[in-house]
N, C-alpha and C. Protein backbone atom coordinates (compact mmCIF):
# COMPACT_ATOMS: atom_id res chain seq x y z
N MET A 1 141.78 116.35 69.45
CA MET A 1 141.65 116.69 70.87
C MET A 1 140.76 115.65 71.56
N GLN A 2 141.22 115.19 72.71
CA GLN A 2 140.47 114.18 73.43
C GLN A 2 139.21 114.77 74.05
N GLU A 3 138.09 114.08 73.88
CA GLU A 3 136.83 114.56 74.43
C GLU A 3 136.78 114.31 75.93
N LEU A 4 136.21 115.27 76.65
CA LEU A 4 136.05 115.12 78.09
C LEU A 4 134.93 114.16 78.37
N SER A 5 135.12 113.29 79.34
CA SER A 5 134.06 112.34 79.70
C SER A 5 133.01 113.03 80.54
N THR A 6 131.79 112.50 80.49
CA THR A 6 130.70 113.06 81.29
C THR A 6 130.95 112.82 82.77
N SER A 7 130.63 113.79 83.58
CA SER A 7 130.84 113.68 85.02
C SER A 7 129.97 112.59 85.62
N SER A 8 130.61 111.61 86.24
CA SER A 8 129.85 110.51 86.86
C SER A 8 129.06 111.00 88.06
N ASP A 9 129.57 112.06 88.73
CA ASP A 9 128.86 112.60 89.89
C ASP A 9 127.49 113.14 89.49
N LYS A 10 127.42 113.84 88.37
CA LYS A 10 126.16 114.42 87.93
C LYS A 10 125.15 113.34 87.60
N ILE A 11 125.60 112.29 86.95
CA ILE A 11 124.70 111.19 86.61
C ILE A 11 124.20 110.52 87.89
N GLU A 12 125.11 110.35 88.85
CA GLU A 12 124.74 109.70 90.10
C GLU A 12 123.70 110.53 90.86
N ILE A 13 123.91 111.85 90.90
CA ILE A 13 122.97 112.72 91.59
C ILE A 13 121.59 112.66 90.94
N ALA A 14 121.59 112.72 89.61
CA ALA A 14 120.32 112.65 88.88
C ALA A 14 119.62 111.32 89.17
N SER A 15 120.40 110.24 89.21
CA SER A 15 119.84 108.93 89.47
C SER A 15 119.28 108.85 90.88
N LEU A 16 119.98 109.43 91.84
CA LEU A 16 119.50 109.43 93.22
C LEU A 16 118.19 110.20 93.36
N ALA A 17 118.13 111.35 92.69
CA ALA A 17 116.91 112.16 92.74
C ALA A 17 115.74 111.39 92.14
N ASP A 18 116.00 110.67 91.06
CA ASP A 18 114.95 109.89 90.42
C ASP A 18 114.49 108.75 91.33
N GLU A 19 115.45 108.11 91.98
CA GLU A 19 115.11 107.01 92.89
C GLU A 19 114.32 107.52 94.10
N CYS A 20 114.74 108.69 94.62
CA CYS A 20 114.00 109.30 95.74
C CYS A 20 112.57 109.62 95.32
N TYR A 21 112.44 110.17 94.13
CA TYR A 21 111.12 110.51 93.60
C TYR A 21 110.24 109.27 93.55
N LYS A 22 110.77 108.18 93.04
CA LYS A 22 110.00 106.95 92.90
C LYS A 22 109.59 106.38 94.26
N ARG A 23 110.52 106.43 95.21
CA ARG A 23 110.23 105.85 96.53
C ARG A 23 109.20 106.67 97.30
N ILE A 24 109.40 107.98 97.31
CA ILE A 24 108.46 108.83 98.04
C ILE A 24 107.08 108.77 97.39
N LYS A 25 107.05 108.81 96.06
CA LYS A 25 105.78 108.74 95.34
C LYS A 25 105.06 107.42 95.64
N HIS A 26 105.82 106.34 95.61
CA HIS A 26 105.23 105.02 95.91
C HIS A 26 104.62 105.01 97.30
N ASP A 27 105.35 105.52 98.29
CA ASP A 27 104.86 105.50 99.67
C ASP A 27 103.63 106.38 99.85
N ILE A 28 103.54 107.46 99.08
CA ILE A 28 102.36 108.32 99.13
C ILE A 28 101.16 107.60 98.52
N LEU A 29 101.37 107.00 97.35
CA LEU A 29 100.26 106.42 96.62
C LEU A 29 99.74 105.11 97.20
N VAL A 30 100.56 104.44 98.01
CA VAL A 30 100.04 103.23 98.68
C VAL A 30 99.59 103.54 100.10
N GLY A 31 99.64 104.82 100.47
CA GLY A 31 99.12 105.24 101.76
C GLY A 31 100.07 105.12 102.93
N LYS A 32 101.34 104.79 102.67
CA LYS A 32 102.32 104.71 103.76
C LYS A 32 102.63 106.09 104.31
N ILE A 33 102.56 107.09 103.44
CA ILE A 33 102.67 108.48 103.87
C ILE A 33 101.31 109.11 103.61
N SER A 34 100.64 109.51 104.66
CA SER A 34 99.24 109.92 104.56
C SER A 34 99.06 111.35 104.04
N TRP A 35 97.83 111.64 103.65
CA TRP A 35 97.47 113.00 103.27
C TRP A 35 97.88 113.96 104.40
N GLY A 36 98.49 115.07 104.04
CA GLY A 36 98.83 116.10 105.02
C GLY A 36 100.12 115.85 105.78
N ALA A 37 100.74 114.68 105.60
CA ALA A 37 101.98 114.38 106.33
C ALA A 37 103.12 115.29 105.87
N ARG A 38 103.94 115.71 106.82
CA ARG A 38 105.08 116.57 106.50
C ARG A 38 106.24 115.71 106.01
N LEU A 39 106.87 116.13 104.92
CA LEU A 39 108.02 115.43 104.39
C LEU A 39 109.29 116.11 104.91
N ASN A 40 109.92 115.49 105.88
CA ASN A 40 111.12 116.04 106.49
C ASN A 40 112.34 115.65 105.65
N VAL A 41 112.92 116.63 105.00
CA VAL A 41 114.04 116.37 104.08
C VAL A 41 115.21 115.71 104.80
N ILE A 42 115.55 116.21 105.98
CA ILE A 42 116.69 115.67 106.73
C ILE A 42 116.44 114.21 107.11
N SER A 43 115.23 113.92 107.59
CA SER A 43 114.90 112.55 107.98
C SER A 43 114.90 111.60 106.79
N LEU A 44 114.33 112.05 105.68
CA LEU A 44 114.30 111.22 104.48
C LEU A 44 115.70 110.96 103.96
N ALA A 45 116.52 112.00 103.93
CA ALA A 45 117.90 111.84 103.45
C ALA A 45 118.66 110.86 104.35
N GLY A 46 118.42 110.98 105.65
CA GLY A 46 119.09 110.08 106.58
C GLY A 46 118.66 108.63 106.42
N SER A 47 117.36 108.43 106.20
CA SER A 47 116.85 107.06 106.04
C SER A 47 117.34 106.42 104.75
N TYR A 48 117.58 107.25 103.73
CA TYR A 48 118.08 106.74 102.46
C TYR A 48 119.61 106.67 102.43
N GLY A 49 120.26 107.32 103.41
CA GLY A 49 121.71 107.33 103.45
C GLY A 49 122.33 108.19 102.37
N ILE A 50 121.68 109.31 102.05
CA ILE A 50 122.16 110.20 100.99
C ILE A 50 122.12 111.65 101.47
N SER A 51 122.59 112.56 100.63
CA SER A 51 122.53 113.98 100.95
C SER A 51 121.12 114.51 100.75
N ARG A 52 120.90 115.73 101.16
CA ARG A 52 119.55 116.32 101.08
C ARG A 52 119.16 116.74 99.66
N SER A 53 120.16 117.05 98.83
CA SER A 53 119.90 117.60 97.49
C SER A 53 118.97 116.72 96.65
N PRO A 54 119.22 115.40 96.52
CA PRO A 54 118.32 114.55 95.72
C PRO A 54 116.90 114.51 96.28
N VAL A 55 116.78 114.58 97.61
CA VAL A 55 115.46 114.55 98.24
C VAL A 55 114.69 115.82 97.90
N VAL A 56 115.38 116.96 97.96
CA VAL A 56 114.75 118.24 97.62
C VAL A 56 114.27 118.22 96.18
N LYS A 57 115.11 117.69 95.27
CA LYS A 57 114.73 117.62 93.86
C LYS A 57 113.52 116.71 93.66
N ALA A 58 113.50 115.62 94.39
CA ALA A 58 112.37 114.69 94.29
C ALA A 58 111.08 115.34 94.76
N ILE A 59 111.15 116.07 95.86
CA ILE A 59 109.97 116.75 96.39
C ILE A 59 109.48 117.84 95.44
N ASP A 60 110.41 118.56 94.83
CA ASP A 60 110.04 119.57 93.83
C ASP A 60 109.27 118.92 92.68
N ARG A 61 109.75 117.77 92.25
CA ARG A 61 109.10 117.06 91.14
C ARG A 61 107.70 116.59 91.55
N LEU A 62 107.57 116.11 92.76
CA LEU A 62 106.27 115.65 93.25
C LEU A 62 105.29 116.82 93.39
N SER A 63 105.82 117.99 93.72
CA SER A 63 104.95 119.17 93.83
C SER A 63 104.39 119.56 92.47
N MET A 64 105.17 119.32 91.41
CA MET A 64 104.70 119.62 90.07
C MET A 64 103.55 118.70 89.67
N GLU A 65 103.52 117.51 90.26
CA GLU A 65 102.43 116.55 89.99
C GLU A 65 101.26 116.76 90.96
N ARG A 66 101.40 117.74 91.83
CA ARG A 66 100.37 118.08 92.82
C ARG A 66 100.16 116.99 93.86
N LEU A 67 101.17 116.17 94.05
CA LEU A 67 101.12 115.18 95.12
C LEU A 67 101.65 115.78 96.42
N VAL A 68 102.45 116.82 96.28
CA VAL A 68 103.05 117.48 97.44
C VAL A 68 102.79 118.97 97.34
N ARG A 69 102.55 119.58 98.48
CA ARG A 69 102.38 121.03 98.55
C ARG A 69 103.53 121.62 99.34
N ILE A 70 104.26 122.54 98.72
CA ILE A 70 105.39 123.20 99.38
C ILE A 70 104.92 124.55 99.90
N ILE A 71 105.01 124.74 101.22
CA ILE A 71 104.59 125.99 101.86
C ILE A 71 105.84 126.72 102.34
N PRO A 72 106.13 127.88 101.78
CA PRO A 72 107.33 128.63 102.17
C PRO A 72 107.42 128.83 103.69
N ASN A 73 108.61 128.59 104.22
CA ASN A 73 108.91 128.77 105.65
C ASN A 73 108.21 127.78 106.57
N LYS A 74 107.50 126.82 105.98
CA LYS A 74 106.82 125.82 106.80
C LYS A 74 107.24 124.40 106.45
N GLY A 75 107.42 124.15 105.18
CA GLY A 75 107.86 122.82 104.77
C GLY A 75 107.05 122.25 103.62
N SER A 76 107.24 120.95 103.39
CA SER A 76 106.57 120.25 102.30
C SER A 76 105.62 119.21 102.89
N PHE A 77 104.41 119.16 102.36
CA PHE A 77 103.38 118.29 102.90
C PHE A 77 102.69 117.52 101.77
N VAL A 78 102.31 116.28 102.06
CA VAL A 78 101.53 115.52 101.10
C VAL A 78 100.20 116.24 100.90
N SER A 79 99.80 116.39 99.67
CA SER A 79 98.58 117.13 99.35
C SER A 79 97.35 116.49 100.00
N ILE A 80 96.46 117.34 100.45
CA ILE A 80 95.15 116.90 100.93
C ILE A 80 94.13 117.36 99.88
N PRO A 81 93.59 116.45 99.09
CA PRO A 81 92.65 116.85 98.03
C PRO A 81 91.41 117.54 98.60
N THR A 82 90.94 118.52 97.90
CA THR A 82 89.66 119.14 98.24
C THR A 82 88.58 118.52 97.35
N GLU A 83 87.34 118.79 97.69
CA GLU A 83 86.25 118.28 96.85
C GLU A 83 86.33 118.88 95.45
N ASP A 84 86.72 120.14 95.35
CA ASP A 84 86.87 120.77 94.02
C ASP A 84 87.96 120.07 93.22
N ASP A 85 89.06 119.69 93.89
CA ASP A 85 90.14 118.96 93.20
C ASP A 85 89.60 117.68 92.59
N VAL A 86 88.85 116.96 93.37
CA VAL A 86 88.32 115.67 92.93
C VAL A 86 87.38 115.84 91.74
N VAL A 87 86.50 116.83 91.82
CA VAL A 87 85.54 117.07 90.74
C VAL A 87 86.27 117.48 89.46
N GLU A 88 87.25 118.37 89.57
CA GLU A 88 87.97 118.84 88.39
C GLU A 88 88.76 117.72 87.72
N VAL A 89 89.47 116.94 88.54
CA VAL A 89 90.25 115.83 87.98
C VAL A 89 89.32 114.80 87.34
N THR A 90 88.18 114.55 87.97
CA THR A 90 87.23 113.58 87.42
C THR A 90 86.67 114.05 86.08
N GLU A 91 86.39 115.33 85.96
CA GLU A 91 85.88 115.86 84.69
C GLU A 91 86.89 115.64 83.57
N ILE A 92 88.16 115.89 83.89
CA ILE A 92 89.22 115.67 82.89
C ILE A 92 89.36 114.19 82.58
N ARG A 93 89.34 113.38 83.63
CA ARG A 93 89.50 111.94 83.46
C ARG A 93 88.40 111.35 82.59
N LEU A 94 87.18 111.77 82.81
CA LEU A 94 86.06 111.27 82.03
C LEU A 94 86.26 111.51 80.54
N MET A 95 86.67 112.72 80.20
CA MET A 95 86.87 113.06 78.79
C MET A 95 88.00 112.26 78.17
N ILE A 96 89.13 112.17 78.90
CA ILE A 96 90.31 111.51 78.34
C ILE A 96 90.09 110.00 78.23
N GLU A 97 89.60 109.36 79.30
CA GLU A 97 89.45 107.90 79.25
C GLU A 97 88.37 107.47 78.26
N ASN A 98 87.33 108.26 78.13
CA ASN A 98 86.30 107.95 77.14
C ASN A 98 86.91 107.92 75.75
N THR A 99 87.73 108.94 75.46
CA THR A 99 88.37 109.02 74.14
C THR A 99 89.39 107.91 73.95
N LEU A 100 90.20 107.63 74.98
CA LEU A 100 91.21 106.58 74.88
C LEU A 100 90.57 105.21 74.65
N CYS A 101 89.50 104.94 75.37
CA CYS A 101 88.82 103.66 75.20
C CYS A 101 88.24 103.53 73.80
N THR A 102 87.64 104.60 73.31
CA THR A 102 87.05 104.60 71.97
C THR A 102 88.12 104.37 70.90
N LEU A 103 89.25 105.07 71.03
CA LEU A 103 90.34 104.93 70.06
C LEU A 103 90.95 103.53 70.12
N ALA A 104 91.17 103.04 71.33
CA ALA A 104 91.76 101.71 71.48
C ALA A 104 90.86 100.64 70.86
N TYR A 105 89.57 100.80 71.08
CA TYR A 105 88.60 99.83 70.52
C TYR A 105 88.59 99.88 69.00
N SER A 106 88.65 101.09 68.44
CA SER A 106 88.57 101.23 66.98
C SER A 106 89.87 100.81 66.29
N LYS A 107 91.00 100.99 66.98
CA LYS A 107 92.29 100.70 66.36
C LYS A 107 92.81 99.29 66.67
N ASN A 108 92.56 98.82 67.89
CA ASN A 108 93.17 97.54 68.31
C ASN A 108 92.21 96.74 69.19
N LYS A 109 91.01 96.52 68.69
CA LYS A 109 89.99 95.86 69.51
C LYS A 109 90.46 94.52 70.07
N ASP A 110 91.00 93.66 69.24
CA ASP A 110 91.37 92.31 69.67
C ASP A 110 92.46 92.34 70.75
N LYS A 111 93.47 93.16 70.54
CA LYS A 111 94.56 93.27 71.53
C LYS A 111 94.06 93.88 72.83
N LEU A 112 93.19 94.87 72.70
CA LEU A 112 92.62 95.53 73.88
C LEU A 112 91.85 94.53 74.72
N VAL A 113 90.95 93.80 74.09
CA VAL A 113 90.11 92.84 74.81
C VAL A 113 90.96 91.73 75.43
N GLU A 114 91.93 91.24 74.67
CA GLU A 114 92.80 90.17 75.18
C GLU A 114 93.55 90.62 76.43
N SER A 115 94.08 91.84 76.39
CA SER A 115 94.85 92.37 77.53
C SER A 115 93.96 92.55 78.75
N LEU A 116 92.76 93.10 78.56
CA LEU A 116 91.84 93.30 79.68
C LEU A 116 91.42 91.97 80.30
N LYS A 117 91.18 90.98 79.46
CA LYS A 117 90.79 89.66 79.96
C LYS A 117 91.89 89.05 80.81
N LYS A 118 93.13 89.18 80.36
CA LYS A 118 94.26 88.62 81.09
C LYS A 118 94.42 89.31 82.45
N LEU A 119 94.24 90.62 82.46
CA LEU A 119 94.36 91.37 83.71
C LEU A 119 93.29 90.94 84.70
N ASP A 120 92.05 90.86 84.23
CA ASP A 120 90.95 90.45 85.11
C ASP A 120 91.19 89.04 85.65
N ALA A 121 91.63 88.14 84.77
CA ALA A 121 91.86 86.75 85.18
C ALA A 121 92.99 86.64 86.19
N SER A 122 93.97 87.53 86.09
CA SER A 122 95.12 87.47 86.99
C SER A 122 94.80 87.95 88.40
N ILE A 123 93.82 88.84 88.53
CA ILE A 123 93.53 89.43 89.84
C ILE A 123 92.35 88.77 90.55
N LEU A 124 91.42 88.21 89.81
CA LEU A 124 90.21 87.66 90.42
C LEU A 124 90.48 86.60 91.50
N PRO A 125 91.43 85.67 91.31
CA PRO A 125 91.67 84.66 92.35
C PRO A 125 92.17 85.27 93.67
N ALA A 126 92.75 86.46 93.60
CA ALA A 126 93.32 87.07 94.82
C ALA A 126 92.38 88.07 95.48
N MET A 127 91.16 88.22 94.95
CA MET A 127 90.26 89.27 95.42
C MET A 127 89.86 89.11 96.89
N GLN A 128 89.78 87.90 97.37
CA GLN A 128 89.30 87.67 98.73
C GLN A 128 90.19 88.34 99.78
N ASN A 129 91.51 88.27 99.55
CA ASN A 129 92.45 88.84 100.53
C ASN A 129 93.41 89.82 99.88
N ILE A 130 92.93 90.54 98.91
CA ILE A 130 93.81 91.43 98.15
C ILE A 130 94.31 92.60 99.01
N GLN A 131 95.57 92.96 98.82
CA GLN A 131 96.16 94.11 99.49
C GLN A 131 96.04 95.34 98.59
N PHE A 132 96.02 96.51 99.22
CA PHE A 132 95.82 97.74 98.46
C PHE A 132 96.87 97.91 97.37
N GLU A 133 98.13 97.64 97.70
CA GLU A 133 99.21 97.83 96.73
C GLU A 133 99.00 96.97 95.49
N ASP A 134 98.52 95.74 95.70
CA ASP A 134 98.28 94.84 94.57
C ASP A 134 97.10 95.32 93.73
N PHE A 135 96.04 95.79 94.41
CA PHE A 135 94.89 96.31 93.66
C PHE A 135 95.28 97.55 92.88
N LEU A 136 96.08 98.43 93.49
CA LEU A 136 96.50 99.66 92.82
C LEU A 136 97.27 99.34 91.54
N GLU A 137 98.16 98.36 91.63
CA GLU A 137 98.95 97.97 90.46
C GLU A 137 98.05 97.43 89.36
N TYR A 138 97.11 96.59 89.74
CA TYR A 138 96.15 96.04 88.76
C TYR A 138 95.30 97.16 88.15
N ASP A 139 94.77 98.03 89.01
CA ASP A 139 93.91 99.11 88.53
C ASP A 139 94.67 100.03 87.57
N ARG A 140 95.92 100.30 87.91
CA ARG A 140 96.76 101.14 87.05
C ARG A 140 96.92 100.52 85.66
N HIS A 141 97.18 99.21 85.63
CA HIS A 141 97.36 98.53 84.34
C HIS A 141 96.05 98.45 83.56
N PHE A 142 94.94 98.23 84.27
CA PHE A 142 93.65 98.12 83.58
C PHE A 142 93.35 99.40 82.82
N HIS A 143 93.43 100.53 83.50
CA HIS A 143 93.08 101.79 82.85
C HIS A 143 94.14 102.25 81.85
N SER A 144 95.39 101.90 82.10
CA SER A 144 96.45 102.28 81.17
C SER A 144 96.39 101.48 79.87
N THR A 145 95.68 100.36 79.91
CA THR A 145 95.54 99.54 78.69
C THR A 145 94.84 100.32 77.59
N PHE A 146 93.90 101.17 77.97
CA PHE A 146 93.22 102.00 76.96
C PHE A 146 94.21 102.93 76.26
N SER A 147 95.08 103.56 77.04
CA SER A 147 96.04 104.48 76.44
C SER A 147 97.10 103.73 75.64
N THR A 148 97.42 102.51 76.06
CA THR A 148 98.41 101.72 75.33
C THR A 148 97.95 101.42 73.91
N TYR A 149 96.70 101.03 73.76
CA TYR A 149 96.19 100.62 72.45
C TYR A 149 95.48 101.73 71.68
N ALA A 150 95.41 102.91 72.28
CA ALA A 150 94.84 104.06 71.56
C ALA A 150 95.82 104.62 70.54
N ASN A 151 97.11 104.30 70.74
CA ASN A 151 98.16 104.76 69.82
C ASN A 151 98.14 106.27 69.62
N ASN A 152 98.04 106.99 70.72
CA ASN A 152 98.07 108.45 70.67
C ASN A 152 98.93 108.93 71.85
N ASN A 153 100.19 109.19 71.56
CA ASN A 153 101.15 109.52 72.62
C ASN A 153 100.80 110.80 73.37
N ARG A 154 100.27 111.78 72.67
CA ARG A 154 99.94 113.05 73.33
C ARG A 154 98.78 112.87 74.31
N LEU A 155 97.77 112.14 73.85
CA LEU A 155 96.63 111.89 74.73
C LEU A 155 97.05 111.03 75.92
N ARG A 156 97.93 110.10 75.67
CA ARG A 156 98.44 109.25 76.75
C ARG A 156 99.18 110.09 77.78
N ALA A 157 99.97 111.05 77.32
CA ALA A 157 100.71 111.93 78.23
C ALA A 157 99.77 112.75 79.10
N TYR A 158 98.67 113.23 78.51
CA TYR A 158 97.67 113.97 79.28
C TYR A 158 97.08 113.09 80.38
N TYR A 159 96.80 111.85 80.02
CA TYR A 159 96.22 110.93 81.00
C TYR A 159 97.21 110.67 82.14
N GLU A 160 98.48 110.40 81.79
CA GLU A 160 99.48 110.12 82.80
C GLU A 160 99.69 111.31 83.73
N SER A 161 99.45 112.51 83.23
CA SER A 161 99.65 113.71 84.04
C SER A 161 98.64 113.81 85.19
N ILE A 162 97.50 113.13 85.07
CA ILE A 162 96.51 113.17 86.16
C ILE A 162 96.39 111.83 86.89
N ARG A 163 97.04 110.81 86.37
CA ARG A 163 96.92 109.48 86.97
C ARG A 163 97.38 109.47 88.42
N SER A 164 98.47 110.18 88.72
CA SER A 164 98.97 110.21 90.09
C SER A 164 97.95 110.80 91.05
N GLN A 165 97.25 111.84 90.60
CA GLN A 165 96.23 112.44 91.46
C GLN A 165 95.07 111.47 91.69
N ILE A 166 94.72 110.73 90.65
CA ILE A 166 93.66 109.73 90.78
C ILE A 166 94.04 108.70 91.83
N GLU A 167 95.30 108.27 91.79
CA GLU A 167 95.76 107.26 92.73
C GLU A 167 95.86 107.83 94.15
N LEU A 168 96.17 109.11 94.27
CA LEU A 168 96.18 109.75 95.58
C LEU A 168 94.78 109.71 96.19
N PHE A 169 93.76 109.94 95.37
CA PHE A 169 92.38 109.84 95.85
C PHE A 169 92.09 108.44 96.37
N ARG A 170 92.59 107.43 95.65
CA ARG A 170 92.28 106.04 95.94
C ARG A 170 92.78 105.57 97.30
N THR A 171 93.82 106.23 97.85
CA THR A 171 94.41 105.76 99.11
C THR A 171 93.42 105.79 100.27
N LYS A 172 92.36 106.57 100.14
CA LYS A 172 91.37 106.67 101.21
C LYS A 172 90.07 105.94 100.89
N THR A 173 90.06 105.16 99.83
CA THR A 173 88.82 104.49 99.43
C THR A 173 88.98 102.97 99.38
N PHE A 174 90.04 102.45 99.99
CA PHE A 174 90.30 101.01 99.92
C PHE A 174 89.48 100.27 100.97
N TYR A 175 88.26 100.00 100.60
CA TYR A 175 87.36 99.19 101.43
C TYR A 175 86.87 98.02 100.57
N LYS A 176 86.60 96.91 101.21
CA LYS A 176 86.25 95.70 100.47
C LYS A 176 85.09 95.92 99.51
N GLN A 177 84.05 96.62 99.99
CA GLN A 177 82.89 96.81 99.13
C GLN A 177 83.23 97.68 97.91
N ASN A 178 84.10 98.66 98.10
CA ASN A 178 84.50 99.51 96.99
C ASN A 178 85.31 98.74 95.95
N ILE A 179 86.23 97.89 96.44
CA ILE A 179 87.07 97.11 95.54
C ILE A 179 86.23 96.10 94.76
N GLU A 180 85.31 95.45 95.46
CA GLU A 180 84.44 94.47 94.78
C GLU A 180 83.58 95.17 93.72
N HIS A 181 83.10 96.36 94.04
CA HIS A 181 82.28 97.10 93.09
C HIS A 181 83.11 97.53 91.89
N ALA A 182 84.34 97.96 92.14
CA ALA A 182 85.24 98.37 91.05
C ALA A 182 85.52 97.19 90.12
N MET A 183 85.71 96.00 90.71
CA MET A 183 85.97 94.81 89.90
C MET A 183 84.77 94.47 89.02
N LYS A 184 83.56 94.65 89.54
CA LYS A 184 82.36 94.39 88.74
C LYS A 184 82.30 95.36 87.56
N ARG A 185 82.69 96.61 87.82
CA ARG A 185 82.73 97.60 86.73
C ARG A 185 83.75 97.18 85.68
N HIS A 186 84.94 96.77 86.14
CA HIS A 186 86.00 96.39 85.20
C HIS A 186 85.59 95.20 84.35
N THR A 187 85.09 94.16 85.00
CA THR A 187 84.69 92.97 84.24
C THR A 187 83.51 93.28 83.31
N GLY A 188 82.66 94.20 83.74
CA GLY A 188 81.54 94.62 82.88
C GLY A 188 82.04 95.32 81.63
N ILE A 189 83.03 96.18 81.78
CA ILE A 189 83.62 96.88 80.64
C ILE A 189 84.24 95.87 79.68
N THR A 190 85.02 94.94 80.25
CA THR A 190 85.68 93.92 79.42
C THR A 190 84.65 93.08 78.66
N GLU A 191 83.59 92.68 79.33
CA GLU A 191 82.55 91.85 78.71
C GLU A 191 81.87 92.60 77.56
N CYS A 192 81.55 93.87 77.78
CA CYS A 192 80.88 94.65 76.74
C CYS A 192 81.78 94.85 75.52
N LEU A 193 83.06 95.13 75.76
CA LEU A 193 83.99 95.30 74.65
C LEU A 193 84.17 93.99 73.89
N THR A 194 84.18 92.88 74.63
CA THR A 194 84.29 91.56 74.00
C THR A 194 83.11 91.29 73.08
N ASN A 195 81.93 91.73 73.53
CA ASN A 195 80.70 91.49 72.76
C ASN A 195 80.43 92.57 71.71
N GLY A 196 81.35 93.52 71.59
CA GLY A 196 81.20 94.55 70.57
C GLY A 196 80.27 95.69 70.95
N ASP A 197 79.95 95.81 72.23
CA ASP A 197 79.04 96.87 72.67
C ASP A 197 79.86 98.02 73.29
N LEU A 198 80.47 98.81 72.45
CA LEU A 198 81.30 99.91 72.92
C LEU A 198 80.49 100.93 73.71
N GLY A 199 79.28 101.22 73.26
CA GLY A 199 78.45 102.21 73.92
C GLY A 199 78.19 101.86 75.38
N ARG A 200 77.84 100.61 75.64
CA ARG A 200 77.57 100.19 77.02
C ARG A 200 78.86 100.18 77.84
N ALA A 201 79.97 99.79 77.21
CA ALA A 201 81.27 99.79 77.90
C ALA A 201 81.62 101.20 78.36
N LEU A 202 81.36 102.18 77.51
CA LEU A 202 81.65 103.58 77.87
C LEU A 202 80.73 104.06 78.99
N ASP A 203 79.49 103.59 78.98
CA ASP A 203 78.56 103.95 80.06
C ASP A 203 79.06 103.41 81.40
N ILE A 204 79.53 102.15 81.40
CA ILE A 204 80.03 101.54 82.64
C ILE A 204 81.30 102.25 83.09
N LEU A 205 82.15 102.60 82.13
CA LEU A 205 83.38 103.32 82.45
C LEU A 205 83.05 104.65 83.14
N LYS A 206 82.07 105.35 82.61
CA LYS A 206 81.65 106.62 83.20
C LYS A 206 81.11 106.40 84.62
N GLU A 207 80.30 105.36 84.80
CA GLU A 207 79.76 105.05 86.11
C GLU A 207 80.88 104.72 87.09
N HIS A 208 81.86 103.98 86.61
CA HIS A 208 82.99 103.58 87.45
C HIS A 208 83.81 104.79 87.90
N ILE A 209 84.10 105.68 86.98
CA ILE A 209 84.87 106.89 87.31
C ILE A 209 84.08 107.77 88.28
N SER A 210 82.77 107.83 88.08
CA SER A 210 81.92 108.60 89.00
C SER A 210 81.90 107.96 90.38
N ASP A 211 81.96 106.63 90.44
CA ASP A 211 82.03 105.94 91.73
C ASP A 211 83.26 106.40 92.51
N VAL A 212 84.40 106.43 91.83
CA VAL A 212 85.65 106.83 92.48
C VAL A 212 85.53 108.26 93.01
N GLN A 213 84.92 109.14 92.21
CA GLN A 213 84.73 110.52 92.65
C GLN A 213 83.90 110.56 93.93
N ASN A 214 82.78 109.86 93.93
CA ASN A 214 81.89 109.89 95.08
C ASN A 214 82.53 109.27 96.33
N GLU A 215 83.26 108.17 96.14
CA GLU A 215 83.94 107.53 97.27
C GLU A 215 85.01 108.45 97.86
N THR A 216 85.72 109.17 96.98
CA THR A 216 86.78 110.06 97.46
C THR A 216 86.20 111.25 98.21
N ILE A 217 85.14 111.82 97.67
CA ILE A 217 84.50 112.96 98.35
C ILE A 217 83.98 112.53 99.72
N GLU A 218 83.43 111.34 99.78
CA GLU A 218 82.94 110.82 101.06
C GLU A 218 84.10 110.67 102.05
N SER A 219 85.24 110.19 101.57
CA SER A 219 86.40 110.02 102.46
C SER A 219 86.94 111.37 102.92
N ILE A 220 86.91 112.38 102.04
CA ILE A 220 87.35 113.73 102.42
C ILE A 220 86.45 114.29 103.52
N ARG A 221 85.16 114.11 103.36
CA ARG A 221 84.22 114.61 104.37
C ARG A 221 84.39 113.88 105.69
N SER A 222 84.62 112.57 105.63
CA SER A 222 84.81 111.78 106.85
C SER A 222 86.07 112.21 107.58
N GLU A 223 87.13 112.45 106.80
CA GLU A 223 88.40 112.87 107.40
C GLU A 223 88.25 114.24 108.05
N LYS A 224 87.51 115.11 107.42
CA LYS A 224 87.30 116.45 107.98
C LYS A 224 86.50 116.37 109.28
N GLU A 225 85.52 115.48 109.31
CA GLU A 225 84.73 115.32 110.53
C GLU A 225 85.59 114.85 111.69
N VAL A 226 86.54 113.95 111.42
CA VAL A 226 87.44 113.45 112.46
C VAL A 226 88.32 114.57 112.97
N LEU A 227 88.88 115.37 112.06
CA LEU A 227 89.74 116.49 112.44
C LEU A 227 88.96 117.54 113.24
N ASP A 228 87.72 117.80 112.81
CA ASP A 228 86.88 118.77 113.51
C ASP A 228 86.57 118.27 114.93
N TYR A 229 86.34 116.96 115.04
CA TYR A 229 86.01 116.39 116.34
C TYR A 229 87.20 116.47 117.28
N GLU A 230 88.40 116.19 116.72
CA GLU A 230 89.61 116.25 117.54
C GLU A 230 89.90 117.69 117.95
């Protein structure tokens, strides 16, 4: 008996939903779609030249990552982090990244250090006029390097599950002084790992993650003050 071929329509729909998810997520994380912005399914579908179904699926997926909040009878909105959100995610991040860095150092020190050095060297020449999207990509690779060389897929999955929220926080903290400070933290971590001082590297990593928490909370408070004033 001849086997039935897989429906090309189903594959196409799944592919469209995945592409919508990637595009909307990208625009949220680089700040093109701001905190609290309403995601109009009809408008998005029209701009992409597709039906509404893939857009709805993409938004549902983003809501599972807590990047989007779906309010019944009102619509879907980009999440606005609260101070409690930032503190909770930071507590989780501290535990996971500390462990990932320690494992990566113990299992693949040479590869870890080499990768971090290459990343730092690639971004430093562009620091003077760096764009947020470029910094975000670099920052993502820098921190993901720990999970890459930790060789622990489950722990890596836990980290990836909160990475999007971390990047959502970052969209409101892109100021020159913050980026320069983050780079000093990164190069400090790389230098300590190169010199075999894991303990100091972990201390700097903790300080760096705490910096992001404090910068985000400050941006949340500033945004609230503007809304209250308006």
